[in-house]
Amino acid sequence: GRYRSITGDITVSCATDGNHGRSVAWGAQQFGCRCVIYIHATVSAGRKQAIEHYGAEVVRTPGNYDDSVRIAAQDAERHGRFVVSDTSYEGYTDVPKDVMQGYTVMVDEAISQLGSQLPTHIFIQGGVGGLAAAVCAPFWQRFGA
């Protein structure tokens, strides 16, 4: 809506197995940006459709996740897109750190509901490691465990 005059010429991009790309597509839709998401050969049709639901262009690449990360970065450089990745690589670390910091918001909300009760287990998907690290760090800080 109201930011379209500023963001309408911006294109954001990333590679994904599904969840992060869906989030980036949603954010782009909210701010009126164009969005191009790269998925590798074995990402399910359902995940592809979930990303497209938010208006993103989805590009299926050959190979695996790492290949899609490389292709997304190359295409972003070539076309002047902003990469919003949750995985870091040489020369690209600031945005993934910001993404990890964003993940801690949900962790802080969960911890505030626990009070002093320490959970015995926390189950979280590992993916590229950013979400897992963002979940573990606040628990260590708060509970020392």
N, C-alpha and C. Protein backbone atom coordinates (compact mmCIF):
# COMPACT_ATOMS: atom_id res chain seq x y z
N GLY A 1 0.70 -1.17 0.00
CA GLY A 1 0.00 0.00 0.00
C GLY A 1 0.77 1.28 0.00
N ARG A 2 0.91 1.86 1.16
CA ARG A 2 1.38 3.24 1.22
C ARG A 2 2.86 3.40 0.91
N TYR A 3 3.64 2.34 0.88
CA TYR A 3 5.06 2.43 0.56
C TYR A 3 5.38 2.12 -0.90
N ARG A 4 4.36 1.79 -1.67
CA ARG A 4 4.58 1.37 -3.05
C ARG A 4 5.37 2.38 -3.88
N SER A 5 5.16 3.66 -3.63
CA SER A 5 5.88 4.67 -4.41
C SER A 5 7.39 4.59 -4.14
N ILE A 6 7.76 4.11 -2.98
CA ILE A 6 9.17 3.97 -2.62
C ILE A 6 9.70 2.59 -3.00
N THR A 7 8.90 1.56 -2.75
CA THR A 7 9.38 0.18 -2.90
C THR A 7 9.01 -0.47 -4.23
N GLY A 8 8.19 0.18 -5.01
CA GLY A 8 7.70 -0.42 -6.24
C GLY A 8 8.77 -0.80 -7.25
N ASP A 9 9.91 -0.13 -7.19
CA ASP A 9 11.00 -0.43 -8.12
C ASP A 9 12.03 -1.39 -7.55
N ILE A 10 11.79 -1.88 -6.34
CA ILE A 10 12.72 -2.79 -5.68
C ILE A 10 12.31 -4.24 -5.95
N THR A 11 13.30 -5.08 -6.19
CA THR A 11 13.05 -6.52 -6.29
C THR A 11 13.91 -7.22 -5.25
N VAL A 12 13.26 -8.02 -4.41
CA VAL A 12 13.97 -8.83 -3.43
C VAL A 12 14.01 -10.27 -3.93
N SER A 13 14.99 -11.00 -3.45
CA SER A 13 15.22 -12.34 -3.97
C SER A 13 15.89 -13.21 -2.92
N CYS A 14 15.71 -14.51 -3.03
CA CYS A 14 16.44 -15.46 -2.19
C CYS A 14 16.28 -16.85 -2.77
N ALA A 15 17.07 -17.76 -2.24
CA ALA A 15 16.90 -19.19 -2.51
C ALA A 15 16.27 -19.80 -1.27
N THR A 16 15.50 -20.86 -1.48
CA THR A 16 14.80 -21.45 -0.34
C THR A 16 14.45 -22.91 -0.58
N ASP A 17 14.24 -23.62 0.52
CA ASP A 17 13.59 -24.93 0.49
C ASP A 17 12.09 -24.75 0.70
N GLY A 18 11.66 -23.55 1.06
CA GLY A 18 10.24 -23.28 1.21
C GLY A 18 9.87 -22.21 2.20
N ASN A 19 10.20 -22.39 3.46
CA ASN A 19 9.68 -21.50 4.50
C ASN A 19 10.24 -20.08 4.41
N HIS A 20 11.54 -19.93 4.27
CA HIS A 20 12.11 -18.59 4.21
C HIS A 20 11.62 -17.86 2.96
N GLY A 21 11.56 -18.55 1.84
CA GLY A 21 11.07 -17.93 0.61
C GLY A 21 9.63 -17.47 0.72
N ARG A 22 8.85 -18.25 1.41
CA ARG A 22 7.45 -17.88 1.64
C ARG A 22 7.38 -16.60 2.47
N SER A 23 8.22 -16.51 3.48
CA SER A 23 8.27 -15.32 4.33
C SER A 23 8.72 -14.10 3.55
N VAL A 24 9.75 -14.24 2.73
CA VAL A 24 10.24 -13.12 1.92
C VAL A 24 9.17 -12.68 0.93
N ALA A 25 8.48 -13.64 0.33
CA ALA A 25 7.40 -13.31 -0.61
C ALA A 25 6.28 -12.54 0.09
N TRP A 26 5.91 -12.98 1.29
CA TRP A 26 4.88 -12.28 2.06
C TRP A 26 5.31 -10.85 2.36
N GLY A 27 6.55 -10.68 2.82
CA GLY A 27 7.06 -9.35 3.13
C GLY A 27 7.08 -8.45 1.90
N ALA A 28 7.50 -8.99 0.77
CA ALA A 28 7.52 -8.22 -0.46
C ALA A 28 6.11 -7.78 -0.84
N GLN A 29 5.17 -8.68 -0.69
CA GLN A 29 3.78 -8.34 -0.99
C GLN A 29 3.28 -7.21 -0.09
N GLN A 30 3.63 -7.26 1.19
CA GLN A 30 3.20 -6.23 2.14
C GLN A 30 3.74 -4.85 1.76
N PHE A 31 4.96 -4.82 1.24
CA PHE A 31 5.59 -3.54 0.92
C PHE A 31 5.53 -3.17 -0.55
N GLY A 32 4.89 -4.01 -1.35
CA GLY A 32 4.73 -3.69 -2.77
C GLY A 32 5.98 -3.86 -3.60
N CYS A 33 6.88 -4.70 -3.15
CA CYS A 33 8.11 -5.00 -3.90
C CYS A 33 7.85 -6.15 -4.87
N ARG A 34 8.65 -6.22 -5.90
CA ARG A 34 8.68 -7.40 -6.73
C ARG A 34 9.53 -8.44 -6.00
N CYS A 35 9.25 -9.72 -6.22
CA CYS A 35 9.95 -10.78 -5.50
C CYS A 35 10.22 -11.95 -6.43
N VAL A 36 11.47 -12.41 -6.44
CA VAL A 36 11.86 -13.58 -7.22
C VAL A 36 12.50 -14.57 -6.25
N ILE A 37 11.90 -15.76 -6.16
CA ILE A 37 12.36 -16.79 -5.24
C ILE A 37 12.88 -17.98 -6.05
N TYR A 38 14.05 -18.47 -5.67
CA TYR A 38 14.68 -19.61 -6.35
C TYR A 38 14.52 -20.86 -5.50
N ILE A 39 14.01 -21.91 -6.13
CA ILE A 39 13.88 -23.20 -5.46
C ILE A 39 14.64 -24.24 -6.28
N HIS A 40 15.17 -25.24 -5.61
CA HIS A 40 15.92 -26.27 -6.32
C HIS A 40 15.00 -27.37 -6.83
N ALA A 41 15.58 -28.30 -7.51
CA ALA A 41 14.84 -29.31 -8.26
C ALA A 41 13.86 -30.13 -7.43
N THR A 42 14.16 -30.39 -6.15
CA THR A 42 13.31 -31.30 -5.39
C THR A 42 12.34 -30.62 -4.42
N VAL A 43 12.23 -29.30 -4.48
CA VAL A 43 11.24 -28.61 -3.63
C VAL A 43 9.85 -28.98 -4.14
N SER A 44 8.95 -29.30 -3.24
CA SER A 44 7.62 -29.79 -3.61
C SER A 44 6.78 -28.73 -4.32
N ALA A 45 5.84 -29.22 -5.11
CA ALA A 45 4.91 -28.33 -5.80
C ALA A 45 4.08 -27.52 -4.80
N GLY A 46 3.75 -28.13 -3.67
CA GLY A 46 2.98 -27.42 -2.64
C GLY A 46 3.73 -26.23 -2.08
N ARG A 47 5.02 -26.39 -1.84
CA ARG A 47 5.83 -25.26 -1.34
C ARG A 47 5.95 -24.18 -2.40
N LYS A 48 6.11 -24.59 -3.64
CA LYS A 48 6.17 -23.63 -4.75
C LYS A 48 4.88 -22.82 -4.81
N GLN A 49 3.76 -23.49 -4.73
CA GLN A 49 2.46 -22.81 -4.78
C GLN A 49 2.26 -21.88 -3.59
N ALA A 50 2.73 -22.29 -2.42
CA ALA A 50 2.60 -21.44 -1.23
C ALA A 50 3.36 -20.13 -1.40
N ILE A 51 4.51 -20.19 -2.05
CA ILE A 51 5.30 -18.98 -2.32
C ILE A 51 4.60 -18.13 -3.37
N GLU A 52 4.13 -18.76 -4.43
CA GLU A 52 3.44 -18.04 -5.50
C GLU A 52 2.17 -17.36 -4.99
N HIS A 53 1.55 -17.94 -3.98
CA HIS A 53 0.33 -17.37 -3.38
C HIS A 53 0.55 -15.91 -2.96
N TYR A 54 1.77 -15.57 -2.59
CA TYR A 54 2.10 -14.21 -2.16
C TYR A 54 2.63 -13.34 -3.29
N GLY A 55 2.46 -13.79 -4.52
CA GLY A 55 2.78 -12.97 -5.68
C GLY A 55 4.21 -13.05 -6.17
N ALA A 56 5.00 -13.94 -5.62
CA ALA A 56 6.40 -14.05 -6.04
C ALA A 56 6.51 -14.82 -7.36
N GLU A 57 7.50 -14.45 -8.13
CA GLU A 57 7.90 -15.26 -9.27
C GLU A 57 8.81 -16.35 -8.72
N VAL A 58 8.54 -17.60 -9.05
CA VAL A 58 9.34 -18.71 -8.55
C VAL A 58 10.14 -19.30 -9.70
N VAL A 59 11.45 -19.39 -9.50
CA VAL A 59 12.35 -19.95 -10.50
C VAL A 59 12.89 -21.26 -9.96
N ARG A 60 12.60 -22.36 -10.68
CA ARG A 60 13.12 -23.67 -10.27
C ARG A 60 14.47 -23.87 -10.93
N THR A 61 15.47 -24.18 -10.12
CA THR A 61 16.83 -24.35 -10.63
C THR A 61 17.22 -25.83 -10.61
N PRO A 62 18.17 -26.20 -11.47
CA PRO A 62 18.68 -27.57 -11.39
C PRO A 62 19.56 -27.70 -10.15
N GLY A 63 19.74 -28.92 -9.70
CA GLY A 63 20.65 -29.18 -8.60
C GLY A 63 20.00 -29.09 -7.23
N ASN A 64 20.83 -28.79 -6.23
CA ASN A 64 20.37 -28.80 -4.84
C ASN A 64 20.24 -27.38 -4.28
N TYR A 65 20.02 -27.29 -2.98
CA TYR A 65 19.84 -25.99 -2.33
C TYR A 65 21.04 -25.08 -2.55
N ASP A 66 22.24 -25.60 -2.37
CA ASP A 66 23.44 -24.78 -2.55
C ASP A 66 23.53 -24.22 -3.96
N ASP A 67 23.11 -25.01 -4.95
CA ASP A 67 23.10 -24.53 -6.33
C ASP A 67 22.11 -23.38 -6.49
N SER A 68 20.94 -23.51 -5.86
CA SER A 68 19.94 -22.44 -5.98
C SER A 68 20.41 -21.16 -5.29
N VAL A 69 21.15 -21.28 -4.18
CA VAL A 69 21.72 -20.10 -3.51
C VAL A 69 22.69 -19.38 -4.44
N ARG A 70 23.55 -20.15 -5.08
CA ARG A 70 24.54 -19.58 -6.00
C ARG A 70 23.86 -18.89 -7.18
N ILE A 71 22.88 -19.55 -7.78
CA ILE A 71 22.18 -18.99 -8.95
C ILE A 71 21.40 -17.74 -8.55
N ALA A 72 20.74 -17.77 -7.40
CA ALA A 72 19.99 -16.60 -6.93
C ALA A 72 20.92 -15.40 -6.74
N ALA A 73 22.09 -15.63 -6.15
CA ALA A 73 23.05 -14.54 -5.93
C ALA A 73 23.58 -13.99 -7.25
N GLN A 74 23.88 -14.87 -8.19
CA GLN A 74 24.38 -14.43 -9.49
C GLN A 74 23.32 -13.62 -10.24
N ASP A 75 22.09 -14.11 -10.23
CA ASP A 75 21.01 -13.39 -10.92
C ASP A 75 20.71 -12.06 -10.24
N ALA A 76 20.78 -12.02 -8.92
CA ALA A 76 20.55 -10.76 -8.19
C ALA A 76 21.60 -9.73 -8.59
N GLU A 77 22.84 -10.15 -8.67
CA GLU A 77 23.92 -9.25 -9.09
C GLU A 77 23.67 -8.74 -10.51
N ARG A 78 23.30 -9.64 -11.38
CA ARG A 78 23.08 -9.31 -12.79
C ARG A 78 21.90 -8.35 -12.98
N HIS A 79 20.84 -8.53 -12.17
CA HIS A 79 19.61 -7.76 -12.37
C HIS A 79 19.37 -6.67 -11.34
N GLY A 80 20.31 -6.45 -10.43
CA GLY A 80 20.16 -5.39 -9.44
C GLY A 80 19.12 -5.67 -8.37
N ARG A 81 18.99 -6.93 -7.98
CA ARG A 81 18.03 -7.31 -6.94
C ARG A 81 18.70 -7.30 -5.57
N PHE A 82 17.88 -7.17 -4.54
CA PHE A 82 18.37 -7.26 -3.16
C PHE A 82 18.16 -8.68 -2.66
N VAL A 83 19.23 -9.34 -2.24
CA VAL A 83 19.14 -10.70 -1.71
C VAL A 83 18.79 -10.60 -0.23
N VAL A 84 17.75 -11.33 0.17
CA VAL A 84 17.32 -11.41 1.57
C VAL A 84 17.40 -12.87 1.97
N SER A 85 18.62 -13.32 2.25
CA SER A 85 18.86 -14.74 2.50
C SER A 85 19.02 -15.03 3.98
N ASP A 86 18.63 -16.22 4.37
CA ASP A 86 18.85 -16.67 5.75
C ASP A 86 20.12 -17.51 5.86
N THR A 87 20.85 -17.63 4.78
CA THR A 87 22.11 -18.36 4.81
C THR A 87 23.24 -17.42 4.36
N SER A 88 24.36 -17.52 5.04
CA SER A 88 25.49 -16.65 4.70
C SER A 88 26.44 -17.37 3.75
N TYR A 89 27.22 -16.58 3.06
CA TYR A 89 28.28 -17.09 2.21
C TYR A 89 29.33 -16.00 2.11
N GLU A 90 30.46 -16.31 1.53
CA GLU A 90 31.57 -15.37 1.50
C GLU A 90 31.12 -14.02 0.94
N GLY A 91 31.34 -12.97 1.72
CA GLY A 91 30.97 -11.62 1.31
C GLY A 91 29.53 -11.25 1.59
N TYR A 92 28.77 -12.16 2.19
CA TYR A 92 27.35 -11.90 2.45
C TYR A 92 26.99 -12.46 3.83
N THR A 93 27.11 -11.62 4.84
CA THR A 93 26.82 -12.08 6.21
C THR A 93 25.88 -11.16 6.97
N ASP A 94 25.79 -9.89 6.60
CA ASP A 94 24.99 -8.95 7.39
C ASP A 94 23.50 -9.27 7.37
N VAL A 95 22.94 -9.51 6.20
CA VAL A 95 21.50 -9.79 6.12
C VAL A 95 21.13 -11.07 6.86
N PRO A 96 21.88 -12.18 6.69
CA PRO A 96 21.54 -13.37 7.47
C PRO A 96 21.57 -13.13 8.98
N LYS A 97 22.49 -12.29 9.44
CA LYS A 97 22.51 -11.95 10.87
C LYS A 97 21.22 -11.22 11.26
N ASP A 98 20.77 -10.31 10.40
CA ASP A 98 19.51 -9.60 10.67
C ASP A 98 18.33 -10.55 10.68
N VAL A 99 18.32 -11.51 9.76
CA VAL A 99 17.25 -12.51 9.73
C VAL A 99 17.25 -13.31 11.03
N MET A 100 18.43 -13.74 11.47
CA MET A 100 18.53 -14.48 12.74
C MET A 100 18.03 -13.63 13.91
N GLN A 101 18.37 -12.36 13.91
CA GLN A 101 17.90 -11.47 14.97
C GLN A 101 16.38 -11.40 14.96
N GLY A 102 15.80 -11.38 13.77
CA GLY A 102 14.34 -11.38 13.66
C GLY A 102 13.71 -12.64 14.23
N TYR A 103 14.37 -13.77 14.04
CA TYR A 103 13.85 -15.02 14.60
C TYR A 103 13.75 -14.97 16.12
N THR A 104 14.62 -14.20 16.75
CA THR A 104 14.61 -14.17 18.21
C THR A 104 13.35 -13.53 18.79
N VAL A 105 12.62 -12.78 17.97
CA VAL A 105 11.36 -12.17 18.46
C VAL A 105 10.40 -13.26 18.90
N MET A 106 10.23 -14.30 18.09
CA MET A 106 9.30 -15.38 18.46
C MET A 106 9.83 -16.14 19.67
N VAL A 107 11.16 -16.26 19.78
CA VAL A 107 11.74 -16.95 20.93
C VAL A 107 11.49 -16.15 22.20
N ASP A 108 11.68 -14.85 22.13
CA ASP A 108 11.42 -14.00 23.30
C ASP A 108 9.96 -14.11 23.74
N GLU A 109 9.05 -14.17 22.77
CA GLU A 109 7.63 -14.34 23.10
C GLU A 109 7.38 -15.67 23.79
N ALA A 110 8.00 -16.73 23.30
CA ALA A 110 7.84 -18.05 23.92
C ALA A 110 8.41 -18.06 25.33
N ILE A 111 9.60 -17.49 25.50
CA ILE A 111 10.24 -17.47 26.82
C ILE A 111 9.39 -16.67 27.81
N SER A 112 8.80 -15.58 27.36
CA SER A 112 7.99 -14.77 28.27
C SER A 112 6.78 -15.55 28.77
N GLN A 113 6.31 -16.51 28.00
CA GLN A 113 5.17 -17.32 28.42
C GLN A 113 5.59 -18.46 29.35
N LEU A 114 6.87 -18.80 29.36
CA LEU A 114 7.35 -19.89 30.21
C LEU A 114 7.52 -19.48 31.66
N GLY A 115 7.76 -18.21 31.89
CA GLY A 115 8.07 -17.78 33.25
C GLY A 115 9.40 -18.37 33.66
N SER A 116 9.44 -19.02 34.81
CA SER A 116 10.69 -19.63 35.27
C SER A 116 10.78 -21.12 34.94
N GLN A 117 9.79 -21.63 34.24
CA GLN A 117 9.76 -23.06 33.91
C GLN A 117 10.70 -23.34 32.74
N LEU A 118 11.73 -24.12 33.00
CA LEU A 118 12.70 -24.49 31.97
C LEU A 118 12.18 -25.72 31.21
N PRO A 119 12.07 -25.63 29.88
CA PRO A 119 11.63 -26.81 29.12
C PRO A 119 12.71 -27.89 29.15
N THR A 120 12.27 -29.13 29.07
CA THR A 120 13.24 -30.23 29.04
C THR A 120 13.79 -30.44 27.63
N HIS A 121 13.00 -30.08 26.62
CA HIS A 121 13.42 -30.26 25.23
C HIS A 121 12.88 -29.11 24.39
N ILE A 122 13.62 -28.78 23.35
CA ILE A 122 13.16 -27.82 22.34
C ILE A 122 13.42 -28.46 20.99
N PHE A 123 12.39 -28.62 20.20
CA PHE A 123 12.52 -29.22 18.87
C PHE A 123 12.39 -28.12 17.83
N ILE A 124 13.39 -28.02 16.97
CA ILE A 124 13.38 -26.98 15.93
C ILE A 124 14.09 -27.55 14.71
N GLN A 125 13.60 -27.20 13.54
CA GLN A 125 14.24 -27.69 12.32
C GLN A 125 15.63 -27.07 12.19
N GLY A 126 16.55 -27.81 11.62
CA GLY A 126 17.92 -27.35 11.51
C GLY A 126 18.19 -26.48 10.30
N GLY A 127 17.67 -26.88 9.15
CA GLY A 127 17.88 -26.11 7.93
C GLY A 127 19.32 -25.70 7.75
N VAL A 128 19.54 -24.42 7.49
CA VAL A 128 20.90 -23.90 7.31
C VAL A 128 21.51 -23.46 8.63
N GLY A 129 20.76 -23.58 9.72
CA GLY A 129 21.30 -23.34 11.05
C GLY A 129 20.90 -22.03 11.69
N GLY A 130 20.42 -21.07 10.92
CA GLY A 130 20.09 -19.76 11.46
C GLY A 130 18.96 -19.80 12.47
N LEU A 131 17.90 -20.51 12.16
CA LEU A 131 16.77 -20.59 13.09
C LEU A 131 17.17 -21.35 14.34
N ALA A 132 17.88 -22.45 14.18
CA ALA A 132 18.30 -23.24 15.34
C ALA A 132 19.19 -22.41 16.27
N ALA A 133 20.13 -21.66 15.71
CA ALA A 133 21.00 -20.82 16.53
C ALA A 133 20.21 -19.70 17.20
N ALA A 134 19.27 -19.12 16.47
CA ALA A 134 18.46 -18.03 17.03
C ALA A 134 17.55 -18.51 18.15
N VAL A 135 17.19 -19.78 18.14
CA VAL A 135 16.37 -20.34 19.21
C VAL A 135 17.25 -20.70 20.41
N CYS A 136 18.39 -21.31 20.17
CA CYS A 136 19.25 -21.75 21.27
C CYS A 136 19.83 -20.60 22.08
N ALA A 137 20.31 -19.58 21.41
CA ALA A 137 21.01 -18.48 22.12
C ALA A 137 20.16 -17.82 23.19
N PRO A 138 18.92 -17.42 22.92
CA PRO A 138 18.12 -16.78 23.99
C PRO A 138 17.82 -17.72 25.16
N PHE A 139 17.67 -19.01 24.89
CA PHE A 139 17.44 -19.95 25.99
C PHE A 139 18.68 -20.06 26.86
N TRP A 140 19.86 -20.11 26.24
CA TRP A 140 21.10 -20.14 27.02
C TRP A 140 21.24 -18.87 27.84
N GLN A 141 20.94 -17.73 27.23
CA GLN A 141 21.07 -16.46 27.94
C GLN A 141 20.11 -16.39 29.13
N ARG A 142 18.90 -16.85 28.93
CA ARG A 142 17.88 -16.73 29.97
C ARG A 142 18.02 -17.78 31.07
N PHE A 143 18.26 -19.02 30.66
CA PHE A 143 18.25 -20.13 31.61
C PHE A 143 19.64 -20.69 31.91
N GLY A 144 20.64 -20.28 31.16
CA GLY A 144 21.99 -20.79 31.38
C GLY A 144 22.12 -22.26 31.06
N ALA A 145 21.26 -22.75 30.18
CA ALA A 145 21.30 -24.17 29.83
C ALA A 145 20.99 -24.35 28.36
